Amino acid sequence: MEITDAGREVLAHATRIMEEMESIRSSVVGGKTSFRGTVVIGTTPTVAEIVTVPLVRKIKEAHPNLAVRFSSAFSGYLLDWVQRGELELAISYDPQPLHTLRIVPVMMENLLLVGPAGANLRLDTPVWFESLAEQPLVLPSARHSLRVILDDCAREVGIKLKTSVEADSFGAMIALVCNGFGLTALPLASIYAQIEAGVLSAAPLVDPIPMRKLVQVFPADRRVSPAAKFVGDAFIEIAADLVNRKIWAGHML
């Protein structure tokens, strides 16, 4: 029997209702929400260093049966994966608006000057940005948003940054800095543990302060699962806590 267009619409509507009912049934156990399944989230490499462990801990405490799959990449790749349906949520840096994406601002993140312990940088002693003109630097390549921000700040004060080594890997940048190949600029939270351990030192950069906007990115053209929304909210709570405790330099939006 051939199904008419009207019949297809009724069937599709009924299917959506059944899926929503099943989502509600599977997420309510013993009077409280208990998400199951897997949420696929993408983050930039520096964000992955900051939030992977606390985010998984927070998710497992609230929803032991909810699995999380992390992907780490540059912002451009993350946005493409969200649009293609390979990610439910991405944590990215200030992408260009697209009608297929819903962008939610989270915070403005400050970038700090980072060096080995012997550089004697101090969190309570700012460094003028223009002083970087005389420093060998370990920086990511020009396609990286962090490099773009630093180059823009350099132009603002009329200097040219002197790159000793380019490295797009967070781990490689840290290793190069620790081994004396130059200073770099990173968010505080990504290297806070190394500072506490005395492996690295860091200082705020001022006049100008290099900053970048951190956002959540969801698909705008399809339904976002309640579990993915929970993961996004959990990320914001973690970010706010780290900012309040001065572990993540910046301010919430």
C-alpha atoms as a PDB file:
ATOM      1  CA  MET A   1       0.000   0.000   0.000  1.00  0.00           C
ATOM      2  CA  GLU A   2       1.396   3.396  -1.004  1.00  0.00           C
ATOM      3  CA  ILE A   3       1.785   5.958   1.773  1.00  0.00           C
ATOM      4  CA  THR A   4       0.693   9.507   0.945  1.00  0.00           C
ATOM      5  CA  ASP A   5       2.739  12.615   1.818  1.00  0.00           C
ATOM      6  CA  ALA A   6       0.261  13.405   4.582  1.00  0.00           C
ATOM      7  CA  GLY A   7       0.659   9.894   5.903  1.00  0.00           C
ATOM      8  CA  ARG A   8       4.435  10.245   5.910  1.00  0.00           C
ATOM      9  CA  GLU A   9       4.172  13.479   7.904  1.00  0.00           C
ATOM     10  CA  VAL A  10       1.892  11.811  10.475  1.00  0.00           C
ATOM     11  CA  LEU A  11       4.266   8.837  10.726  1.00  0.00           C
ATOM     12  CA  ALA A  12       7.327  11.099  11.139  1.00  0.00           C
ATOM     13  CA  HIS A  13       5.531  13.126  13.834  1.00  0.00           C
ATOM     14  CA  ALA A  14       4.539   9.944  15.668  1.00  0.00           C
ATOM     15  CA  THR A  15       8.116   8.686  15.474  1.00  0.00           C
ATOM     16  CA  ARG A  16       9.453  11.920  16.981  1.00  0.00           C
ATOM     17  CA  ILE A  17       6.938  11.674  19.829  1.00  0.00           C
ATOM     18  CA  MET A  18       7.925   8.051  20.505  1.00  0.00           C
ATOM     19  CA  GLU A  19      11.621   9.009  20.551  1.00  0.00           C
ATOM     20  CA  GLU A  20      10.956  11.820  23.017  1.00  0.00           C
ATOM     21  CA  MET A  21       8.865   9.510  25.228  1.00  0.00           C
ATOM     22  CA  GLU A  22      11.631   6.900  25.178  1.00  0.00           C
ATOM     23  CA  SER A  23      14.181   9.585  26.073  1.00  0.00           C
ATOM     24  CA  ILE A  24      12.062  10.582  29.060  1.00  0.00           C
ATOM     25  CA  ARG A  25      11.531   6.957  30.161  1.00  0.00           C
ATOM     26  CA  SER A  26      15.223   6.092  29.873  1.00  0.00           C
ATOM     27  CA  SER A  27      16.347   9.221  31.695  1.00  0.00           C
ATOM     28  CA  VAL A  28      14.171   8.916  34.780  1.00  0.00           C
ATOM     29  CA  VAL A  29      15.163   6.230  37.244  1.00  0.00           C
ATOM     30  CA  GLY A  30      14.173   6.283  40.899  1.00  0.00           C
ATOM     31  CA  GLY A  31      12.774   9.802  40.612  1.00  0.00           C
ATOM     32  CA  LYS A  32      15.917  11.410  39.250  1.00  0.00           C
ATOM     33  CA  THR A  33      17.421  11.890  35.828  1.00  0.00           C
ATOM     34  CA  SER A  34      19.940   9.254  34.816  1.00  0.00           C
ATOM     35  CA  PHE A  35      21.288   9.692  31.313  1.00  0.00           C
ATOM     36  CA  ARG A  36      22.582   6.743  29.325  1.00  0.00           C
ATOM     37  CA  GLY A  37      24.338   6.351  26.016  1.00  0.00           C
ATOM     38  CA  THR A  38      27.283   8.392  24.747  1.00  0.00           C
ATOM     39  CA  VAL A  39      27.818  12.117  24.311  1.00  0.00           C
ATOM     40  CA  VAL A  40      30.424  13.047  21.698  1.00  0.00           C
ATOM     41  CA  ILE A  41      32.196  16.328  22.486  1.00  0.00           C
ATOM     42  CA  GLY A  42      35.031  18.157  20.758  1.00  0.00           C
ATOM     43  CA  THR A  43      37.460  20.634  22.302  1.00  0.00           C
ATOM     44  CA  THR A  44      40.560  22.534  21.299  1.00  0.00           C
ATOM     45  CA  PRO A  45      43.832  21.045  22.639  1.00  0.00           C
ATOM     46  CA  THR A  46      44.331  23.642  25.391  1.00  0.00           C
ATOM     47  CA  VAL A  47      40.735  23.271  26.596  1.00  0.00           C
ATOM     48  CA  ALA A  48      41.188  19.489  26.622  1.00  0.00           C
ATOM     49  CA  GLU A  49      44.135  19.923  29.000  1.00  0.00           C
ATOM     50  CA  ILE A  50      41.961  21.994  31.338  1.00  0.00           C
ATOM     51  CA  VAL A  51      38.582  20.285  31.499  1.00  0.00           C
ATOM     52  CA  THR A  52      38.820  16.633  30.439  1.00  0.00           C
ATOM     53  CA  VAL A  53      39.359  15.167  33.919  1.00  0.00           C
ATOM     54  CA  PRO A  54      37.027  17.457  35.928  1.00  0.00           C
ATOM     55  CA  LEU A  55      34.311  17.183  33.264  1.00  0.00           C
ATOM     56  CA  VAL A  56      34.403  13.373  33.196  1.00  0.00           C
ATOM     57  CA  ARG A  57      34.401  13.322  36.998  1.00  0.00           C
ATOM     58  CA  LYS A  58      31.363  15.611  37.161  1.00  0.00           C
ATOM     59  CA  ILE A  59      29.488  13.598  34.537  1.00  0.00           C
ATOM     60  CA  LYS A  60      30.184  10.238  36.202  1.00  0.00           C
ATOM     61  CA  GLU A  61      29.134  11.533  39.624  1.00  0.00           C
ATOM     62  CA  ALA A  62      25.764  12.642  38.263  1.00  0.00           C
ATOM     63  CA  HIS A  63      25.201   9.996  35.563  1.00  0.00           C
ATOM     64  CA  PRO A  64      27.319   6.852  36.028  1.00  0.00           C
ATOM     65  CA  ASN A  65      25.884   5.219  32.901  1.00  0.00           C
ATOM     66  CA  LEU A  66      26.594   8.146  30.593  1.00  0.00           C
ATOM     67  CA  ALA A  67      29.715   7.693  28.474  1.00  0.00           C
ATOM     68  CA  VAL A  68      31.690  10.553  26.933  1.00  0.00           C
ATOM     69  CA  ARG A  69      33.813  10.488  23.792  1.00  0.00           C
ATOM     70  CA  PHE A  70      36.322  13.337  23.406  1.00  0.00           C
ATOM     71  CA  SER A  71      37.874  14.623  20.191  1.00  0.00           C
ATOM     72  CA  SER A  72      40.575  17.301  20.202  1.00  0.00           C
ATOM     73  CA  ALA A  73      41.336  19.500  17.196  1.00  0.00           C
ATOM     74  CA  PHE A  74      41.613  23.063  15.924  1.00  0.00           C
ATOM     75  CA  SER A  75      38.408  25.101  15.968  1.00  0.00           C
ATOM     76  CA  GLY A  76      37.863  24.854  12.206  1.00  0.00           C
ATOM     77  CA  TYR A  77      37.785  21.070  12.320  1.00  0.00           C
ATOM     78  CA  LEU A  78      35.474  21.067  15.348  1.00  0.00           C
ATOM     79  CA  LEU A  79      32.925  23.296  13.616  1.00  0.00           C
ATOM     80  CA  ASP A  80      32.967  21.082  10.537  1.00  0.00           C
ATOM     81  CA  TRP A  81      32.396  17.983  12.667  1.00  0.00           C
ATOM     82  CA  VAL A  82      29.449  19.618  14.455  1.00  0.00           C
ATOM     83  CA  GLN A  83      27.857  20.524  11.120  1.00  0.00           C
ATOM     84  CA  ARG A  84      28.368  16.983   9.801  1.00  0.00           C
ATOM     85  CA  GLY A  85      26.783  15.453  12.902  1.00  0.00           C
ATOM     86  CA  GLU A  86      29.983  13.841  14.169  1.00  0.00           C
ATOM     87  CA  LEU A  87      29.928  15.954  17.357  1.00  0.00           C
ATOM     88  CA  GLU A  88      26.970  16.914  19.530  1.00  0.00           C
ATOM     89  CA  LEU A  89      28.851  19.753  21.185  1.00  0.00           C
ATOM     90  CA  ALA A  90      32.134  21.590  20.663  1.00  0.00           C
ATOM     91  CA  ILE A  91      34.116  23.938  22.891  1.00  0.00           C
ATOM     92  CA  SER A  92      35.783  26.381  20.532  1.00  0.00           C
ATOM     93  CA  TYR A  93      37.232  29.865  20.203  1.00  0.00           C
ATOM     94  CA  ASP A  94      34.992  32.601  18.735  1.00  0.00           C
ATOM     95  CA  PRO A  95      34.052  31.110  15.339  1.00  0.00           C
ATOM     96  CA  GLN A  96      32.418  33.047  12.533  1.00  0.00           C
ATOM     97  CA  PRO A  97      28.588  32.916  12.760  1.00  0.00           C
ATOM     98  CA  LEU A  98      26.978  30.193  10.652  1.00  0.00           C
ATOM     99  CA  HIS A  99      23.253  29.545  10.282  1.00  0.00           C
ATOM    100  CA  THR A 100      23.826  25.827  10.917  1.00  0.00           C
ATOM    101  CA  LEU A 101      25.446  26.468  14.319  1.00  0.00           C
ATOM    102  CA  ARG A 102      24.165  27.800  17.635  1.00  0.00           C
ATOM    103  CA  ILE A 103      26.988  29.595  19.410  1.00  0.00           C
ATOM    104  CA  VAL A 104      26.820  30.192  23.175  1.00  0.00           C
ATOM    105  CA  PRO A 105      29.475  32.531  24.695  1.00  0.00           C
ATOM    106  CA  VAL A 106      31.123  31.138  27.839  1.00  0.00           C
ATOM    107  CA  MET A 107      34.090  33.303  28.870  1.00  0.00           C
ATOM    108  CA  MET A 108      36.853  35.673  27.829  1.00  0.00           C
ATOM    109  CA  GLU A 109      40.151  33.894  28.441  1.00  0.00           C
ATOM    110  CA  ASN A 110      43.422  35.745  29.122  1.00  0.00           C
ATOM    111  CA  LEU A 111      46.672  34.424  27.695  1.00  0.00           C
ATOM    112  CA  LEU A 112      49.694  34.541  30.017  1.00  0.00           C
ATOM    113  CA  LEU A 113      53.410  34.598  29.279  1.00  0.00           C
ATOM    114  CA  VAL A 114      54.809  31.163  30.134  1.00  0.00           C
ATOM    115  CA  GLY A 115      58.423  30.127  30.638  1.00  0.00           C
ATOM    116  CA  PRO A 116      60.545  27.558  32.479  1.00  0.00           C
ATOM    117  CA  ALA A 117      60.864  27.866  36.238  1.00  0.00           C
ATOM    118  CA  GLY A 118      64.183  29.654  35.761  1.00  0.00           C
ATOM    119  CA  ALA A 119      62.492  32.503  33.883  1.00  0.00           C
ATOM    120  CA  ASN A 120      61.182  33.684  37.266  1.00  0.00           C
ATOM    121  CA  LEU A 121      57.859  34.881  35.887  1.00  0.00           C
ATOM    122  CA  ARG A 122      55.320  35.686  38.617  1.00  0.00           C
ATOM    123  CA  LEU A 123      51.534  35.635  38.554  1.00  0.00           C
ATOM    124  CA  ASP A 124      51.443  38.844  40.590  1.00  0.00           C
ATOM    125  CA  THR A 125      53.885  40.728  38.330  1.00  0.00           C
ATOM    126  CA  PRO A 126      52.545  41.718  34.878  1.00  0.00           C
ATOM    127  CA  VAL A 127      54.810  41.882  31.837  1.00  0.00           C
ATOM    128  CA  TRP A 128      54.416  44.562  29.132  1.00  0.00           C
ATOM    129  CA  PHE A 129      53.457  42.964  25.836  1.00  0.00           C
ATOM    130  CA  GLU A 130      55.940  45.116  23.916  1.00  0.00           C
ATOM    131  CA  SER A 131      58.808  43.477  25.833  1.00  0.00           C
ATOM    132  CA  LEU A 132      58.187  40.293  23.809  1.00  0.00           C
ATOM    133  CA  ALA A 133      59.964  41.933  20.858  1.00  0.00           C
ATOM    134  CA  GLU A 134      63.282  40.904  22.395  1.00  0.00           C
ATOM    135  CA  GLN A 135      62.273  37.369  23.407  1.00  0.00           C
ATOM    136  CA  PRO A 136      62.663  34.102  21.464  1.00  0.00           C
ATOM    137  CA  LEU A 137      59.192  32.560  21.416  1.00  0.00           C
ATOM    138  CA  VAL A 138      57.697  29.114  20.971  1.00  0.00           C
ATOM    139  CA  LEU A 139      54.411  29.721  19.153  1.00  0.00           C
ATOM    140  CA  PRO A 140      51.882  27.800  17.067  1.00  0.00           C
ATOM    141  CA  SER A 141      51.710  28.330  13.314  1.00  0.00           C
ATOM    142  CA  ALA A 142      49.809  31.188  11.684  1.00  0.00           C
ATOM    143  CA  ARG A 143      46.660  29.080  11.156  1.00  0.00           C
ATOM    144  CA  HIS A 144      46.223  28.731  14.931  1.00  0.00           C
ATOM    145  CA  SER A 145      43.832  31.215  16.614  1.00  0.00           C
ATOM    146  CA  LEU A 146      46.275  31.761  19.494  1.00  0.00           C
ATOM    147  CA  ARG A 147      48.966  32.913  17.049  1.00  0.00           C
ATOM    148  CA  VAL A 148      46.532  35.243  15.297  1.00  0.00           C
ATOM    149  CA  ILE A 149      45.674  36.935  18.607  1.00  0.00           C
ATOM    150  CA  LEU A 150      49.324  37.382  19.567  1.00  0.00           C
ATOM    151  CA  ASP A 151      50.234  38.760  16.133  1.00  0.00           C
ATOM    152  CA  ASP A 152      47.333  41.228  16.365  1.00  0.00           C
ATOM    153  CA  CYS A 153      48.555  42.416  19.774  1.00  0.00           C
ATOM    154  CA  ALA A 154      52.088  42.773  18.411  1.00  0.00           C
ATOM    155  CA  ARG A 155      50.856  44.965  15.548  1.00  0.00           C
ATOM    156  CA  GLU A 156      48.913  47.076  18.053  1.00  0.00           C
ATOM    157  CA  VAL A 157      52.114  48.004  19.902  1.00  0.00           C
ATOM    158  CA  GLY A 158      54.273  48.155  16.784  1.00  0.00           C
ATOM    159  CA  ILE A 159      56.525  45.144  17.328  1.00  0.00           C
ATOM    160  CA  LYS A 160      57.253  41.898  15.497  1.00  0.00           C
ATOM    161  CA  LEU A 161      57.324  38.648  17.419  1.00  0.00           C
ATOM    162  CA  LYS A 162      60.522  36.620  17.138  1.00  0.00           C
ATOM    163  CA  THR A 163      59.583  32.962  16.733  1.00  0.00           C
ATOM    164  CA  SER A 164      62.271  30.509  17.789  1.00  0.00           C
ATOM    165  CA  VAL A 165      60.228  27.380  17.042  1.00  0.00           C
ATOM    166  CA  GLU A 166      56.690  26.820  15.739  1.00  0.00           C
ATOM    167  CA  ALA A 167      54.684  23.943  17.208  1.00  0.00           C
ATOM    168  CA  ASP A 168      50.944  23.307  16.971  1.00  0.00           C
ATOM    169  CA  SER A 169      50.987  20.573  19.613  1.00  0.00           C
ATOM    170  CA  PHE A 170      50.337  21.703  23.193  1.00  0.00           C
ATOM    171  CA  GLY A 171      52.655  19.005  24.550  1.00  0.00           C
ATOM    172  CA  ALA A 172      55.431  19.976  22.140  1.00  0.00           C
ATOM    173  CA  MET A 173      55.146  23.656  23.100  1.00  0.00           C
ATOM    174  CA  ILE A 174      55.469  22.833  26.802  1.00  0.00           C
ATOM    175  CA  ALA A 175      58.449  20.518  26.211  1.00  0.00           C
ATOM    176  CA  LEU A 176      60.234  23.157  24.117  1.00  0.00           C
ATOM    177  CA  VAL A 177      59.634  25.849  26.750  1.00  0.00           C
ATOM    178  CA  CYS A 178      60.865  23.578  29.553  1.00  0.00           C
ATOM    179  CA  ASN A 179      64.028  22.871  27.557  1.00  0.00           C
ATOM    180  CA  GLY A 180      64.882  26.536  27.094  1.00  0.00           C
ATOM    181  CA  PHE A 181      63.894  27.129  23.460  1.00  0.00           C
ATOM    182  CA  GLY A 182      61.811  30.193  24.297  1.00  0.00           C
ATOM    183  CA  LEU A 183      58.759  31.546  26.078  1.00  0.00           C
ATOM    184  CA  THR A 184      55.169  31.048  24.973  1.00  0.00           C
ATOM    185  CA  ALA A 185      51.657  32.323  25.735  1.00  0.00           C
ATOM    186  CA  LEU A 186      48.915  30.037  27.011  1.00  0.00           C
ATOM    187  CA  PRO A 187      45.790  30.090  29.191  1.00  0.00           C
ATOM    188  CA  LEU A 188      46.715  29.776  32.851  1.00  0.00           C
ATOM    189  CA  ALA A 189      44.499  26.774  33.599  1.00  0.00           C
ATOM    190  CA  SER A 190      46.239  24.601  30.996  1.00  0.00           C
ATOM    191  CA  ILE A 191      49.609  24.898  32.791  1.00  0.00           C
ATOM    192  CA  TYR A 192      48.493  25.617  36.365  1.00  0.00           C
ATOM    193  CA  ALA A 193      49.580  22.190  37.653  1.00  0.00           C
ATOM    194  CA  GLN A 194      53.085  22.660  36.197  1.00  0.00           C
ATOM    195  CA  ILE A 195      53.342  26.073  37.844  1.00  0.00           C
ATOM    196  CA  GLU A 196      52.303  24.630  41.207  1.00  0.00           C
ATOM    197  CA  ALA A 197      54.883  21.868  40.735  1.00  0.00           C
ATOM    198  CA  GLY A 198      57.634  24.409  39.991  1.00  0.00           C
ATOM    199  CA  VAL A 199      58.174  23.159  36.443  1.00  0.00           C
ATOM    200  CA  LEU A 200      56.923  26.321  34.726  1.00  0.00           C
ATOM    201  CA  SER A 201      56.466  29.977  35.647  1.00  0.00           C
ATOM    202  CA  ALA A 202      53.933  32.465  34.248  1.00  0.00           C
ATOM    203  CA  ALA A 203      53.012  36.139  34.316  1.00  0.00           C
ATOM    204  CA  PRO A 204      50.064  38.197  33.019  1.00  0.00           C
ATOM    205  CA  LEU A 205      50.621  40.087  29.774  1.00  0.00           C
ATOM    206  CA  VAL A 206      49.325  43.670  29.715  1.00  0.00           C
ATOM    207  CA  ASP A 207      48.980  46.651  27.355  1.00  0.00           C
ATOM    208  CA  PRO A 208      47.417  44.939  25.544  1.00  0.00           C
ATOM    209  CA  ILE A 209      46.062  41.840  27.293  1.00  0.00           C
ATOM    210  CA  PRO A 210      45.802  39.020  24.736  1.00  0.00           C
ATOM    211  CA  MET A 211      42.324  37.540  25.096  1.00  0.00           C
ATOM    212  CA  ARG A 212      40.067  35.160  23.230  1.00  0.00           C
ATOM    213  CA  LYS A 213      36.379  34.288  23.540  1.00  0.00           C
ATOM    214  CA  LEU A 214      35.548  30.718  24.497  1.00  0.00           C
ATOM    215  CA  VAL A 215      32.184  29.439  23.259  1.00  0.00           C
ATOM    216  CA  GLN A 216      30.027  26.358  23.135  1.00  0.00           C
ATOM    217  CA  VAL A 217      28.871  25.273  19.689  1.00  0.00           C
ATOM    218  CA  PHE A 218      25.727  23.217  19.098  1.00  0.00           C
ATOM    219  CA  PRO A 219      24.033  22.259  15.818  1.00  0.00           C
ATOM    220  CA  ALA A 220      21.216  24.679  14.996  1.00  0.00           C
ATOM    221  CA  ASP A 221      19.446  22.427  12.497  1.00  0.00           C
ATOM    222  CA  ARG A 222      18.796  19.353  14.619  1.00  0.00           C
ATOM    223  CA  ARG A 223      17.746  18.365  18.114  1.00  0.00           C
ATOM    224  CA  VAL A 224      20.356  18.436  20.879  1.00  0.00           C
ATOM    225  CA  SER A 225      19.957  15.613  23.365  1.00  0.00           C
ATOM    226  CA  PRO A 226      19.279  16.365  27.046  1.00  0.00           C
ATOM    227  CA  ALA A 227      22.515  14.525  27.875  1.00  0.00           C
ATOM    228  CA  ALA A 228      24.539  16.824  25.587  1.00  0.00           C
ATOM    229  CA  LYS A 229      22.874  19.865  27.165  1.00  0.00           C
ATOM    230  CA  PHE A 230      23.844  18.530  30.587  1.00  0.00           C
ATOM    231  CA  VAL A 231      27.470  18.125  29.478  1.00  0.00           C
ATOM    232  CA  GLY A 232      27.478  21.694  28.168  1.00  0.00           C
ATOM    233  CA  ASP A 233      26.072  23.038  31.443  1.00  0.00           C
ATOM    234  CA  ALA A 234      28.602  20.988  33.416  1.00  0.00           C
ATOM    235  CA  PHE A 235      31.416  22.539  31.391  1.00  0.00           C
ATOM    236  CA  ILE A 236      30.175  26.058  32.197  1.00  0.00           C
ATOM    237  CA  GLU A 237      30.028  25.216  35.917  1.00  0.00           C
ATOM    238  CA  ILE A 238      33.612  23.934  35.824  1.00  0.00           C
ATOM    239  CA  ALA A 239      34.837  27.005  33.927  1.00  0.00           C
ATOM    240  CA  ALA A 240      33.110  29.366  36.381  1.00  0.00           C
ATOM    241  CA  ASP A 241      34.624  27.543  39.352  1.00  0.00           C
ATOM    242  CA  LEU A 242      38.140  27.702  37.882  1.00  0.00           C
ATOM    243  CA  VAL A 243      37.736  31.412  37.117  1.00  0.00           C
ATOM    244  CA  ASN A 244      36.480  32.104  40.658  1.00  0.00           C
ATOM    245  CA  ARG A 245      39.465  30.252  42.112  1.00  0.00           C
ATOM    246  CA  LYS A 246      41.838  32.190  39.798  1.00  0.00           C
ATOM    247  CA  ILE A 247      43.051  28.989  38.167  1.00  0.00           C
ATOM    248  CA  TRP A 248      41.639  30.050  34.791  1.00  0.00           C
ATOM    249  CA  ALA A 249      42.511  33.677  34.048  1.00  0.00           C
ATOM    250  CA  GLY A 250      39.655  35.607  32.472  1.00  0.00           C
ATOM    251  CA  HIS A 251      36.002  36.384  33.144  1.00  0.00           C
ATOM    252  CA  MET A 252      32.691  34.647  32.471  1.00  0.00           C
ATOM    253  CA  LEU A 253      30.259  36.040  29.911  1.00  0.00           C
END
